[in-house]
Amino acid sequence: MSLLRLFNPTRLLSRTSIFTPLSQFQPSTLRQYASSRPSSISDWESRVTYSTRTPADHILTLSCPDRPGIVHAVTGILASADLNILESQQTSDPASSTFFMRVHFGQGMTGHLDTAALRTRFDELAADMSMDLQLRPVAQKPKVLILVSKQLHCLADLLFRQSSGQLPIEIPVIVSNHTEARALAKGYGIPFHHLPVTATTKQAQEQSILELIETHDVDLVVLARYMQILSATLCQNMGPTGIINIHHSFLPSFKGAKPYHQAYDKGVKLIGATAHFVTEGLDEGPIIEQRVVRVNHGMSPRELGEEGSTVETQVLAAAVGLVSERRVLLNGNKTVVFS
């Protein structure tokens, strides 16, 4: 394994205040640092590993009312088509009587996959069992639009992981209401759009974002410390799993602005970060991933923020990786995560 795979940029970023512009962390800087300071494999990579992929590999996800015979029906279709199950996970929620399943499958002995015929059979099964079912080639990486404001540690981390192959996503465009991220985007060769926003221009600014989403055929929007509240129109356009936010607190504690100051005022001994889907309710969306770090009474709000920045990058990267691998399914206002 190369040193680039072993390098975790959050170790470098954690030495810098999240309130300091990170434009100095260009790709060449990160690669030079990686060649001299290997570190351990990230916790997310140890939790989510990618199976050997072929062009025929697909991911099947489904949810439906729980009943006997669901696994038998799904695996029976795959077996009859001479397809090989590489990974399968399923669970049932007794509270909602809902069944959830994720299957990664590929070619069998014949080496042939008739995708159209397979979709037809699964569509018939979905209709019979009232399934919400999706089938997607593993090689089809989701296109991600990143929204960011002034603090660049989460953006820098995502760009490094994507460029080094740690995140199976494409990033066709970066958007910000400030200019601090321009140099970082240029260093990675990604188009950057500066779309400033005020109370009077918010609707027009979000319309520009929606046009970029359509132009680049975006599948997922990631708020990498984007310090603006999205409108209901934008949330509804992307759907219930189309936007991921990183909130710098362990939700449901300390919602809204300045959570590290709120944590300081409460004298907490643990701070954390939460990645969640974005809904119309502020910081109310279904939670995807959370982590915490221990702090003490002697730390200022600024020091809490510096300590929390590392956790933020880890949690956001983990959430984006899980969603891009179709490992996250909605269960009402909660999520099922097949990690």
C-alpha atoms as a PDB file:
ATOM      1  CA  MET A   1       0.000   0.000   0.000  1.00  0.00           C
ATOM      2  CA  SER A   2       1.389   3.435  -0.953  1.00  0.00           C
ATOM      3  CA  LEU A   3       2.091   6.149   1.563  1.00  0.00           C
ATOM      4  CA  LEU A   4      -0.669   8.224  -0.047  1.00  0.00           C
ATOM      5  CA  ARG A   5      -3.179   5.593   1.035  1.00  0.00           C
ATOM      6  CA  LEU A   6      -1.763   5.566   4.554  1.00  0.00           C
ATOM      7  CA  PHE A   7      -1.628   9.325   4.932  1.00  0.00           C
ATOM      8  CA  ASN A   8      -4.438  10.939   6.886  1.00  0.00           C
ATOM      9  CA  PRO A   9      -4.514  14.680   6.119  1.00  0.00           C
ATOM     10  CA  THR A  10      -6.476  15.419   9.269  1.00  0.00           C
ATOM     11  CA  ARG A  11      -3.282  14.881  11.278  1.00  0.00           C
ATOM     12  CA  LEU A  12      -1.735  17.795   9.414  1.00  0.00           C
ATOM     13  CA  LEU A  13      -4.888  19.887   9.436  1.00  0.00           C
ATOM     14  CA  SER A  14      -5.425  19.373  13.162  1.00  0.00           C
ATOM     15  CA  ARG A  15      -2.194  21.302  13.831  1.00  0.00           C
ATOM     16  CA  THR A  16      -3.738  24.397  12.243  1.00  0.00           C
ATOM     17  CA  SER A  17      -6.544  26.501  13.616  1.00  0.00           C
ATOM     18  CA  ILE A  18      -9.821  26.031  11.770  1.00  0.00           C
ATOM     19  CA  PHE A  19     -10.044  29.814  11.873  1.00  0.00           C
ATOM     20  CA  THR A  20      -6.879  30.121   9.764  1.00  0.00           C
ATOM     21  CA  PRO A  21      -7.186  30.034   5.938  1.00  0.00           C
ATOM     22  CA  LEU A  22      -5.895  26.703   4.631  1.00  0.00           C
ATOM     23  CA  SER A  23      -5.005  27.821   1.100  1.00  0.00           C
ATOM     24  CA  GLN A  24      -1.396  26.769   1.797  1.00  0.00           C
ATOM     25  CA  PHE A  25      -2.536  23.154   1.786  1.00  0.00           C
ATOM     26  CA  GLN A  26      -2.343  22.598  -1.961  1.00  0.00           C
ATOM     27  CA  PRO A  27      -2.110  19.098  -3.475  1.00  0.00           C
ATOM     28  CA  SER A  28       1.675  19.372  -3.822  1.00  0.00           C
ATOM     29  CA  THR A  29       1.980  20.266  -0.124  1.00  0.00           C
ATOM     30  CA  LEU A  30      -0.141  17.301   0.935  1.00  0.00           C
ATOM     31  CA  ARG A  31       1.744  14.884  -1.336  1.00  0.00           C
ATOM     32  CA  GLN A  32       5.096  16.106  -0.020  1.00  0.00           C
ATOM     33  CA  TYR A  33       3.893  15.694   3.553  1.00  0.00           C
ATOM     34  CA  ALA A  34       2.543  12.229   2.786  1.00  0.00           C
ATOM     35  CA  SER A  35       5.882  11.064   1.371  1.00  0.00           C
ATOM     36  CA  SER A  36       7.660  11.845   4.626  1.00  0.00           C
ATOM     37  CA  ARG A  37       5.051  11.153   7.330  1.00  0.00           C
ATOM     38  CA  PRO A  38       3.031   7.976   6.885  1.00  0.00           C
ATOM     39  CA  SER A  39       0.334   7.410   9.493  1.00  0.00           C
ATOM     40  CA  SER A  40      -2.145   4.685  10.320  1.00  0.00           C
ATOM     41  CA  ILE A  41      -5.054   3.771   8.095  1.00  0.00           C
ATOM     42  CA  SER A  42      -8.072   5.912   8.954  1.00  0.00           C
ATOM     43  CA  ASP A  43     -10.836   4.471  11.102  1.00  0.00           C
ATOM     44  CA  TRP A  44     -13.328   4.956   8.292  1.00  0.00           C
ATOM     45  CA  GLU A  45     -11.204   2.922   5.863  1.00  0.00           C
ATOM     46  CA  SER A  46     -10.979   0.106   8.390  1.00  0.00           C
ATOM     47  CA  ARG A  47     -14.791   0.085   8.665  1.00  0.00           C
ATOM     48  CA  VAL A  48     -15.717   0.442   4.992  1.00  0.00           C
ATOM     49  CA  THR A  49     -13.657  -1.644   2.577  1.00  0.00           C
ATOM     50  CA  TYR A  50     -14.247  -2.025  -1.103  1.00  0.00           C
ATOM     51  CA  SER A  51     -14.564  -5.485  -2.618  1.00  0.00           C
ATOM     52  CA  THR A  52     -12.750  -6.291  -5.826  1.00  0.00           C
ATOM     53  CA  ARG A  53     -14.821  -4.699  -8.548  1.00  0.00           C
ATOM     54  CA  THR A  54     -15.574  -5.658 -12.127  1.00  0.00           C
ATOM     55  CA  PRO A  55     -17.675  -3.721 -14.657  1.00  0.00           C
ATOM     56  CA  ALA A  56     -20.547  -6.136 -13.956  1.00  0.00           C
ATOM     57  CA  ASP A  57     -20.638  -5.499 -10.190  1.00  0.00           C
ATOM     58  CA  HIS A  58     -23.837  -3.895  -8.915  1.00  0.00           C
ATOM     59  CA  ILE A  59     -25.270  -2.721  -5.601  1.00  0.00           C
ATOM     60  CA  LEU A  60     -28.879  -3.586  -4.800  1.00  0.00           C
ATOM     61  CA  THR A  61     -30.591  -1.786  -1.919  1.00  0.00           C
ATOM     62  CA  LEU A  62     -34.160  -2.203  -0.795  1.00  0.00           C
ATOM     63  CA  SER A  63     -36.630  -1.591   1.988  1.00  0.00           C
ATOM     64  CA  CYS A  64     -40.132  -3.000   2.312  1.00  0.00           C
ATOM     65  CA  PRO A  65     -42.709  -4.225   4.830  1.00  0.00           C
ATOM     66  CA  ASP A  66     -41.196  -7.173   6.672  1.00  0.00           C
ATOM     67  CA  ARG A  67     -42.472 -10.639   5.747  1.00  0.00           C
ATOM     68  CA  PRO A  68     -41.078 -14.159   5.297  1.00  0.00           C
ATOM     69  CA  GLY A  69     -39.298 -14.983   2.057  1.00  0.00           C
ATOM     70  CA  ILE A  70     -37.681 -11.650   1.135  1.00  0.00           C
ATOM     71  CA  VAL A  71     -34.067 -12.887   1.236  1.00  0.00           C
ATOM     72  CA  HIS A  72     -35.082 -16.073  -0.580  1.00  0.00           C
ATOM     73  CA  ALA A  73     -36.775 -14.080  -3.331  1.00  0.00           C
ATOM     74  CA  VAL A  74     -33.848 -11.675  -3.830  1.00  0.00           C
ATOM     75  CA  THR A  75     -31.111 -14.295  -3.777  1.00  0.00           C
ATOM     76  CA  GLY A  76     -33.219 -16.584  -5.942  1.00  0.00           C
ATOM     77  CA  ILE A  77     -33.313 -14.002  -8.732  1.00  0.00           C
ATOM     78  CA  LEU A  78     -29.539 -13.554  -8.519  1.00  0.00           C
ATOM     79  CA  ALA A  79     -28.871 -17.292  -8.457  1.00  0.00           C
ATOM     80  CA  SER A  80     -31.162 -17.970 -11.434  1.00  0.00           C
ATOM     81  CA  ALA A  81     -29.235 -15.350 -13.414  1.00  0.00           C
ATOM     82  CA  ASP A  82     -25.925 -17.030 -12.462  1.00  0.00           C
ATOM     83  CA  LEU A  83     -24.783 -14.011 -10.449  1.00  0.00           C
ATOM     84  CA  ASN A  84     -22.446 -14.202  -7.473  1.00  0.00           C
ATOM     85  CA  ILE A  85     -23.188 -12.467  -4.148  1.00  0.00           C
ATOM     86  CA  LEU A  86     -20.012 -10.754  -2.924  1.00  0.00           C
ATOM     87  CA  GLU A  87     -21.491  -9.085   0.169  1.00  0.00           C
ATOM     88  CA  SER A  88     -24.950  -9.115   1.730  1.00  0.00           C
ATOM     89  CA  GLN A  89     -26.369  -7.387   4.788  1.00  0.00           C
ATOM     90  CA  GLN A  90     -29.932  -7.152   6.026  1.00  0.00           C
ATOM     91  CA  THR A  91     -31.869  -6.144   9.100  1.00  0.00           C
ATOM     92  CA  SER A  92     -35.440  -5.790  10.281  1.00  0.00           C
ATOM     93  CA  ASP A  93     -36.788  -2.963  12.412  1.00  0.00           C
ATOM     94  CA  PRO A  94     -39.481  -4.358  14.731  1.00  0.00           C
ATOM     95  CA  ALA A  95     -40.771  -0.891  15.603  1.00  0.00           C
ATOM     96  CA  SER A  96     -41.733  -0.073  12.023  1.00  0.00           C
ATOM     97  CA  SER A  97     -41.988  -3.684  10.752  1.00  0.00           C
ATOM     98  CA  THR A  98     -39.664  -2.703   7.910  1.00  0.00           C
ATOM     99  CA  PHE A  99     -37.004  -4.874   6.291  1.00  0.00           C
ATOM    100  CA  PHE A 100     -33.776  -3.427   4.872  1.00  0.00           C
ATOM    101  CA  MET A 101     -31.206  -5.115   2.630  1.00  0.00           C
ATOM    102  CA  ARG A 102     -28.027  -4.292   0.710  1.00  0.00           C
ATOM    103  CA  VAL A 103     -26.428  -6.753  -1.722  1.00  0.00           C
ATOM    104  CA  HIS A 104     -23.198  -6.354  -3.676  1.00  0.00           C
ATOM    105  CA  PHE A 105     -23.148  -8.892  -6.514  1.00  0.00           C
ATOM    106  CA  GLY A 106     -21.165  -9.625  -9.667  1.00  0.00           C
ATOM    107  CA  GLN A 107     -20.755 -12.075 -12.487  1.00  0.00           C
ATOM    108  CA  GLY A 108     -21.037 -15.803 -11.942  1.00  0.00           C
ATOM    109  CA  MET A 109     -19.478 -18.690 -13.839  1.00  0.00           C
ATOM    110  CA  THR A 110     -20.896 -17.709 -17.242  1.00  0.00           C
ATOM    111  CA  GLY A 111     -19.473 -14.191 -17.060  1.00  0.00           C
ATOM    112  CA  HIS A 112     -22.676 -12.713 -18.481  1.00  0.00           C
ATOM    113  CA  LEU A 113     -25.018 -10.121 -16.996  1.00  0.00           C
ATOM    114  CA  ASP A 114     -28.235  -9.101 -18.742  1.00  0.00           C
ATOM    115  CA  THR A 115     -28.912  -5.881 -16.821  1.00  0.00           C
ATOM    116  CA  ALA A 116     -32.211  -5.108 -18.566  1.00  0.00           C
ATOM    117  CA  ALA A 117     -33.659  -8.548 -17.815  1.00  0.00           C
ATOM    118  CA  LEU A 118     -32.437  -8.335 -14.219  1.00  0.00           C
ATOM    119  CA  ARG A 119     -34.073  -4.940 -13.711  1.00  0.00           C
ATOM    120  CA  THR A 120     -37.327  -6.295 -15.091  1.00  0.00           C
ATOM    121  CA  ARG A 121     -37.346  -9.178 -12.632  1.00  0.00           C
ATOM    122  CA  PHE A 122     -36.521  -6.917  -9.684  1.00  0.00           C
ATOM    123  CA  ASP A 123     -39.199  -4.423 -10.749  1.00  0.00           C
ATOM    124  CA  GLU A 124     -41.723  -7.268 -10.670  1.00  0.00           C
ATOM    125  CA  LEU A 125     -40.509  -8.318  -7.224  1.00  0.00           C
ATOM    126  CA  ALA A 126     -40.685  -4.711  -5.981  1.00  0.00           C
ATOM    127  CA  ALA A 127     -44.280  -4.414  -7.139  1.00  0.00           C
ATOM    128  CA  ASP A 128     -45.215  -7.721  -5.501  1.00  0.00           C
ATOM    129  CA  MET A 129     -43.583  -6.926  -2.146  1.00  0.00           C
ATOM    130  CA  SER A 130     -44.115  -3.140  -2.045  1.00  0.00           C
ATOM    131  CA  MET A 131     -40.361  -2.539  -2.156  1.00  0.00           C
ATOM    132  CA  ASP A 132     -38.446   0.708  -2.479  1.00  0.00           C
ATOM    133  CA  LEU A 133     -35.622  -0.783  -4.561  1.00  0.00           C
ATOM    134  CA  GLN A 134     -32.547   0.671  -6.290  1.00  0.00           C
ATOM    135  CA  LEU A 135     -29.998  -1.066  -8.524  1.00  0.00           C
ATOM    136  CA  ARG A 136     -26.770   0.712  -9.442  1.00  0.00           C
ATOM    137  CA  PRO A 137     -23.460  -0.319 -11.043  1.00  0.00           C
ATOM    138  CA  VAL A 138     -20.617  -0.140  -8.525  1.00  0.00           C
ATOM    139  CA  ALA A 139     -18.440   1.618 -11.113  1.00  0.00           C
ATOM    140  CA  GLN A 140     -20.939   4.488 -11.333  1.00  0.00           C
ATOM    141  CA  LYS A 141     -19.508   7.056  -8.924  1.00  0.00           C
ATOM    142  CA  PRO A 142     -21.904   9.686  -7.581  1.00  0.00           C
ATOM    143  CA  LYS A 143     -21.257  13.252  -8.712  1.00  0.00           C
ATOM    144  CA  VAL A 144     -20.839  15.528  -5.711  1.00  0.00           C
ATOM    145  CA  LEU A 145     -21.189  19.296  -5.560  1.00  0.00           C
ATOM    146  CA  ILE A 146     -19.409  20.733  -2.513  1.00  0.00           C
ATOM    147  CA  LEU A 147     -20.639  23.885  -0.789  1.00  0.00           C
ATOM    148  CA  VAL A 148     -18.157  25.614   1.531  1.00  0.00           C
ATOM    149  CA  SER A 149     -17.714  28.973   3.271  1.00  0.00           C
ATOM    150  CA  LYS A 150     -14.489  30.225   4.877  1.00  0.00           C
ATOM    151  CA  GLN A 151     -13.273  27.239   6.918  1.00  0.00           C
ATOM    152  CA  LEU A 152     -11.561  24.824   4.545  1.00  0.00           C
ATOM    153  CA  HIS A 153     -10.441  21.834   6.609  1.00  0.00           C
ATOM    154  CA  CYS A 154     -13.366  19.588   5.569  1.00  0.00           C
ATOM    155  CA  LEU A 155     -13.036  20.590   1.908  1.00  0.00           C
ATOM    156  CA  ALA A 156      -9.281  19.931   1.922  1.00  0.00           C
ATOM    157  CA  ASP A 157      -9.826  16.507   3.452  1.00  0.00           C
ATOM    158  CA  LEU A 158     -12.510  15.493   0.941  1.00  0.00           C
ATOM    159  CA  LEU A 159     -10.425  16.667  -2.020  1.00  0.00           C
ATOM    160  CA  PHE A 160      -7.391  14.720  -0.853  1.00  0.00           C
ATOM    161  CA  ARG A 161      -9.370  11.541  -0.214  1.00  0.00           C
ATOM    162  CA  GLN A 162     -11.116  11.767  -3.593  1.00  0.00           C
ATOM    163  CA  SER A 163      -7.933  12.478  -5.542  1.00  0.00           C
ATOM    164  CA  SER A 164      -6.061   9.612  -3.837  1.00  0.00           C
ATOM    165  CA  GLY A 165      -8.850   7.107  -4.475  1.00  0.00           C
ATOM    166  CA  GLN A 166     -10.086   6.824  -0.891  1.00  0.00           C
ATOM    167  CA  LEU A 167     -13.546   8.202  -1.725  1.00  0.00           C
ATOM    168  CA  PRO A 168     -15.426   6.700  -4.709  1.00  0.00           C
ATOM    169  CA  ILE A 169     -16.934   9.995  -5.885  1.00  0.00           C
ATOM    170  CA  GLU A 170     -16.538  12.580  -8.621  1.00  0.00           C
ATOM    171  CA  ILE A 171     -16.360  16.286  -7.736  1.00  0.00           C
ATOM    172  CA  PRO A 172     -17.299  18.303 -10.829  1.00  0.00           C
ATOM    173  CA  VAL A 173     -17.729  21.666  -9.090  1.00  0.00           C
ATOM    174  CA  ILE A 174     -17.105  23.559  -5.845  1.00  0.00           C
ATOM    175  CA  VAL A 175     -19.325  26.482  -4.790  1.00  0.00           C
ATOM    176  CA  SER A 176     -18.718  29.052  -2.060  1.00  0.00           C
ATOM    177  CA  ASN A 177     -20.235  32.265  -0.799  1.00  0.00           C
ATOM    178  CA  HIS A 178     -16.652  33.453  -0.143  1.00  0.00           C
ATOM    179  CA  THR A 179     -13.379  33.321  -2.114  1.00  0.00           C
ATOM    180  CA  GLU A 180     -11.103  31.505   0.351  1.00  0.00           C
ATOM    181  CA  ALA A 181     -11.560  28.115  -1.362  1.00  0.00           C
ATOM    182  CA  ARG A 182     -10.666  29.319  -4.858  1.00  0.00           C
ATOM    183  CA  ALA A 183      -6.948  28.464  -4.659  1.00  0.00           C
ATOM    184  CA  LEU A 184      -7.622  25.040  -3.167  1.00  0.00           C
ATOM    185  CA  ALA A 185     -10.117  24.192  -5.916  1.00  0.00           C
ATOM    186  CA  LYS A 186      -7.678  25.410  -8.582  1.00  0.00           C
ATOM    187  CA  GLY A 187      -4.921  23.222  -7.138  1.00  0.00           C
ATOM    188  CA  TYR A 188      -7.090  20.161  -7.717  1.00  0.00           C
ATOM    189  CA  GLY A 189      -8.271  21.322 -11.140  1.00  0.00           C
ATOM    190  CA  ILE A 190     -11.929  21.603 -10.102  1.00  0.00           C
ATOM    191  CA  PRO A 191     -14.132  24.494 -11.339  1.00  0.00           C
ATOM    192  CA  PHE A 192     -14.885  27.008  -8.588  1.00  0.00           C
ATOM    193  CA  HIS A 193     -17.950  29.246  -8.494  1.00  0.00           C
ATOM    194  CA  HIS A 194     -18.097  32.224  -6.143  1.00  0.00           C
ATOM    195  CA  LEU A 195     -21.769  32.884  -5.380  1.00  0.00           C
ATOM    196  CA  PRO A 196     -22.028  35.514  -2.628  1.00  0.00           C
ATOM    197  CA  VAL A 197     -25.284  35.640  -0.741  1.00  0.00           C
ATOM    198  CA  THR A 198     -27.247  38.193   1.244  1.00  0.00           C
ATOM    199  CA  ALA A 199     -30.773  38.167   2.582  1.00  0.00           C
ATOM    200  CA  THR A 200     -31.982  39.918  -0.575  1.00  0.00           C
ATOM    201  CA  THR A 201     -30.016  37.736  -3.034  1.00  0.00           C
ATOM    202  CA  LYS A 202     -30.505  34.329  -1.380  1.00  0.00           C
ATOM    203  CA  GLN A 203     -33.205  33.130  -3.773  1.00  0.00           C
ATOM    204  CA  ALA A 204     -31.191  34.087  -6.854  1.00  0.00           C
ATOM    205  CA  GLN A 205     -28.031  32.548  -5.379  1.00  0.00           C
ATOM    206  CA  GLU A 206     -29.751  29.241  -4.710  1.00  0.00           C
ATOM    207  CA  GLN A 207     -31.221  29.286  -8.221  1.00  0.00           C
ATOM    208  CA  SER A 208     -27.640  29.468  -9.513  1.00  0.00           C
ATOM    209  CA  ILE A 209     -26.754  26.473  -7.337  1.00  0.00           C
ATOM    210  CA  LEU A 210     -29.726  24.541  -8.737  1.00  0.00           C
ATOM    211  CA  GLU A 211     -28.581  25.359 -12.279  1.00  0.00           C
ATOM    212  CA  LEU A 212     -25.104  24.003 -11.484  1.00  0.00           C
ATOM    213  CA  ILE A 213     -26.679  20.863 -10.030  1.00  0.00           C
ATOM    214  CA  GLU A 214     -28.594  20.330 -13.276  1.00  0.00           C
ATOM    215  CA  THR A 215     -25.652  21.229 -15.543  1.00  0.00           C
ATOM    216  CA  HIS A 216     -23.293  18.781 -13.849  1.00  0.00           C
ATOM    217  CA  ASP A 217     -25.931  16.079 -13.257  1.00  0.00           C
ATOM    218  CA  VAL A 218     -25.160  16.180  -9.522  1.00  0.00           C
ATOM    219  CA  ASP A 219     -26.278  13.246  -7.367  1.00  0.00           C
ATOM    220  CA  LEU A 220     -25.234  14.570  -3.954  1.00  0.00           C
ATOM    221  CA  VAL A 221     -24.586  17.963  -2.371  1.00  0.00           C
ATOM    222  CA  VAL A 222     -22.125  18.084   0.535  1.00  0.00           C
ATOM    223  CA  LEU A 223     -22.025  21.028   2.946  1.00  0.00           C
ATOM    224  CA  ALA A 224     -18.364  21.107   3.994  1.00  0.00           C
ATOM    225  CA  ARG A 225     -18.808  23.806   6.652  1.00  0.00           C
ATOM    226  CA  TYR A 226     -21.156  25.873   4.494  1.00  0.00           C
ATOM    227  CA  MET A 227     -22.491  28.427   6.931  1.00  0.00           C
ATOM    228  CA  GLN A 228     -25.821  29.176   5.300  1.00  0.00           C
ATOM    229  CA  ILE A 229     -29.262  27.696   5.953  1.00  0.00           C
ATOM    230  CA  LEU A 230     -30.654  26.102   2.807  1.00  0.00           C
ATOM    231  CA  SER A 231     -34.152  26.940   1.649  1.00  0.00           C
ATOM    232  CA  ALA A 232     -36.978  24.435   1.513  1.00  0.00           C
ATOM    233  CA  THR A 233     -36.862  24.679  -2.294  1.00  0.00           C
ATOM    234  CA  LEU A 234     -33.260  23.454  -2.492  1.00  0.00           C
ATOM    235  CA  CYS A 235     -33.856  20.722   0.092  1.00  0.00           C
ATOM    236  CA  GLN A 236     -36.924  19.449  -1.735  1.00  0.00           C
ATOM    237  CA  ASN A 237     -35.127  19.532  -5.087  1.00  0.00           C
ATOM    238  CA  MET A 238     -32.393  17.178  -3.846  1.00  0.00           C
ATOM    239  CA  GLY A 239     -34.727  14.877  -1.926  1.00  0.00           C
ATOM    240  CA  PRO A 240     -34.416  13.377   1.578  1.00  0.00           C
ATOM    241  CA  THR A 241     -30.963  11.813   0.976  1.00  0.00           C
ATOM    242  CA  GLY A 242     -29.533  14.294  -1.516  1.00  0.00           C
ATOM    243  CA  ILE A 243     -27.696  16.675   0.846  1.00  0.00           C
ATOM    244  CA  ILE A 244     -25.202  15.870   3.617  1.00  0.00           C
ATOM    245  CA  ASN A 245     -24.167  18.403   6.270  1.00  0.00           C
ATOM    246  CA  ILE A 246     -21.399  18.276   8.849  1.00  0.00           C
ATOM    247  CA  HIS A 247     -22.489  19.898  12.111  1.00  0.00           C
ATOM    248  CA  HIS A 248     -19.757  20.667  14.606  1.00  0.00           C
ATOM    249  CA  SER A 249     -21.485  19.214  17.634  1.00  0.00           C
ATOM    250  CA  PHE A 250     -22.787  15.886  18.867  1.00  0.00           C
ATOM    251  CA  LEU A 251     -26.419  16.314  17.891  1.00  0.00           C
ATOM    252  CA  PRO A 252     -29.033  16.712  19.243  1.00  0.00           C
ATOM    253  CA  SER A 253     -26.939  18.853  21.630  1.00  0.00           C
ATOM    254  CA  PHE A 254     -25.902  22.379  20.637  1.00  0.00           C
ATOM    255  CA  LYS A 255     -27.863  22.964  17.447  1.00  0.00           C
ATOM    256  CA  GLY A 256     -27.503  26.152  15.443  1.00  0.00           C
ATOM    257  CA  ALA A 257     -24.672  28.682  15.544  1.00  0.00           C
ATOM    258  CA  LYS A 258     -21.472  28.571  17.637  1.00  0.00           C
ATOM    259  CA  PRO A 259     -21.846  25.060  19.085  1.00  0.00           C
ATOM    260  CA  TYR A 260     -18.306  25.110  20.498  1.00  0.00           C
ATOM    261  CA  HIS A 261     -19.174  28.238  22.465  1.00  0.00           C
ATOM    262  CA  GLN A 262     -22.348  26.505  23.663  1.00  0.00           C
ATOM    263  CA  ALA A 263     -20.288  23.484  24.711  1.00  0.00           C
ATOM    264  CA  TYR A 264     -17.821  25.736  26.545  1.00  0.00           C
ATOM    265  CA  ASP A 265     -20.624  27.464  28.427  1.00  0.00           C
ATOM    266  CA  LYS A 266     -22.001  24.073  29.524  1.00  0.00           C
ATOM    267  CA  GLY A 267     -18.585  22.791  30.589  1.00  0.00           C
ATOM    268  CA  VAL A 268     -18.919  19.533  28.660  1.00  0.00           C
ATOM    269  CA  LYS A 269     -16.181  16.881  28.799  1.00  0.00           C
ATOM    270  CA  LEU A 270     -16.913  15.462  25.339  1.00  0.00           C
ATOM    271  CA  ILE A 271     -17.376  17.321  22.082  1.00  0.00           C
ATOM    272  CA  GLY A 272     -18.184  15.768  18.764  1.00  0.00           C
ATOM    273  CA  ALA A 273     -19.343  16.096  15.187  1.00  0.00           C
ATOM    274  CA  THR A 274     -22.427  14.837  13.389  1.00  0.00           C
ATOM    275  CA  ALA A 275     -22.993  14.176   9.694  1.00  0.00           C
ATOM    276  CA  HIS A 276     -26.672  14.144   8.784  1.00  0.00           C
ATOM    277  CA  PHE A 277     -28.989  14.453   5.831  1.00  0.00           C
ATOM    278  CA  VAL A 278     -30.364  17.957   5.383  1.00  0.00           C
ATOM    279  CA  THR A 279     -34.057  18.618   5.798  1.00  0.00           C
ATOM    280  CA  GLU A 280     -36.091  21.787   6.128  1.00  0.00           C
ATOM    281  CA  GLY A 281     -35.672  21.646   9.928  1.00  0.00           C
ATOM    282  CA  LEU A 282     -32.360  23.153  11.078  1.00  0.00           C
ATOM    283  CA  ASP A 283     -29.970  20.336  12.130  1.00  0.00           C
ATOM    284  CA  GLU A 284     -32.932  17.949  12.361  1.00  0.00           C
ATOM    285  CA  GLY A 285     -32.130  15.565   9.493  1.00  0.00           C
ATOM    286  CA  PRO A 286     -31.491  11.809   9.911  1.00  0.00           C
ATOM    287  CA  ILE A 287     -28.054  11.146  11.393  1.00  0.00           C
ATOM    288  CA  ILE A 288     -25.509   9.213   9.309  1.00  0.00           C
ATOM    289  CA  GLU A 289     -22.338   9.251  11.436  1.00  0.00           C
ATOM    290  CA  GLN A 290     -21.111  10.680  14.759  1.00  0.00           C
ATOM    291  CA  ARG A 291     -17.857  10.701  16.734  1.00  0.00           C
ATOM    292  CA  VAL A 292     -16.594  12.375  19.904  1.00  0.00           C
ATOM    293  CA  VAL A 293     -13.331  13.518  21.472  1.00  0.00           C
ATOM    294  CA  ARG A 294     -12.582  14.200  25.137  1.00  0.00           C
ATOM    295  CA  VAL A 295     -11.877  17.776  26.248  1.00  0.00           C
ATOM    296  CA  ASN A 296     -11.253  19.444  29.614  1.00  0.00           C
ATOM    297  CA  HIS A 297     -12.146  22.504  31.644  1.00  0.00           C
ATOM    298  CA  GLY A 298      -8.994  24.389  30.698  1.00  0.00           C
ATOM    299  CA  MET A 299      -9.782  24.626  26.993  1.00  0.00           C
ATOM    300  CA  SER A 300     -11.154  27.818  25.436  1.00  0.00           C
ATOM    301  CA  PRO A 301     -13.872  27.860  22.763  1.00  0.00           C
ATOM    302  CA  ARG A 302     -11.133  28.362  20.172  1.00  0.00           C
ATOM    303  CA  GLU A 303      -9.219  25.331  21.445  1.00  0.00           C
ATOM    304  CA  LEU A 304     -12.416  23.277  21.417  1.00  0.00           C
ATOM    305  CA  GLY A 305     -12.857  24.272  17.787  1.00  0.00           C
ATOM    306  CA  GLU A 306      -9.308  23.287  16.917  1.00  0.00           C
ATOM    307  CA  GLU A 307      -9.752  19.909  18.594  1.00  0.00           C
ATOM    308  CA  GLY A 308     -13.127  19.412  16.939  1.00  0.00           C
ATOM    309  CA  SER A 309     -11.891  20.178  13.425  1.00  0.00           C
ATOM    310  CA  THR A 310     -10.176  16.795  13.177  1.00  0.00           C
ATOM    311  CA  VAL A 311     -13.348  14.979  14.213  1.00  0.00           C
ATOM    312  CA  GLU A 312     -15.375  16.983  11.702  1.00  0.00           C
ATOM    313  CA  THR A 313     -13.192  15.886   8.771  1.00  0.00           C
ATOM    314  CA  GLN A 314     -13.315  12.232   9.863  1.00  0.00           C
ATOM    315  CA  VAL A 315     -17.080  12.186  10.327  1.00  0.00           C
ATOM    316  CA  LEU A 316     -17.852  13.949   7.040  1.00  0.00           C
ATOM    317  CA  ALA A 317     -15.519  11.687   5.046  1.00  0.00           C
ATOM    318  CA  ALA A 318     -17.077   8.621   6.652  1.00  0.00           C
ATOM    319  CA  ALA A 319     -20.604   9.814   5.846  1.00  0.00           C
ATOM    320  CA  VAL A 320     -19.788  10.628   2.224  1.00  0.00           C
ATOM    321  CA  GLY A 321     -18.111   7.239   1.838  1.00  0.00           C
ATOM    322  CA  LEU A 322     -21.053   5.381   3.338  1.00  0.00           C
ATOM    323  CA  VAL A 323     -23.607   7.182   1.192  1.00  0.00           C
ATOM    324  CA  SER A 324     -21.559   6.828  -1.997  1.00  0.00           C
ATOM    325  CA  GLU A 325     -21.377   3.063  -1.366  1.00  0.00           C
ATOM    326  CA  ARG A 326     -25.168   2.908  -0.888  1.00  0.00           C
ATOM    327  CA  ARG A 327     -24.729   1.766   2.711  1.00  0.00           C
ATOM    328  CA  VAL A 328     -27.254   4.203   4.198  1.00  0.00           C
ATOM    329  CA  LEU A 329     -31.016   3.621   4.021  1.00  0.00           C
ATOM    330  CA  LEU A 330     -33.705   5.859   5.476  1.00  0.00           C
ATOM    331  CA  ASN A 331     -35.927   4.511   8.239  1.00  0.00           C
ATOM    332  CA  GLY A 332     -38.335   7.321   8.983  1.00  0.00           C
ATOM    333  CA  ASN A 333     -36.359  10.071  10.734  1.00  0.00           C
ATOM    334  CA  LYS A 334     -33.483   7.637  11.362  1.00  0.00           C
ATOM    335  CA  THR A 335     -31.018   5.728   9.210  1.00  0.00           C
ATOM    336  CA  VAL A 336     -29.922   2.131   8.776  1.00  0.00           C
ATOM    337  CA  VAL A 337     -26.171   2.068   8.127  1.00  0.00           C
ATOM    338  CA  PHE A 338     -24.581  -1.101   6.722  1.00  0.00           C
ATOM    339  CA  SER A 339     -20.950  -0.425   7.619  1.00  0.00           C
END
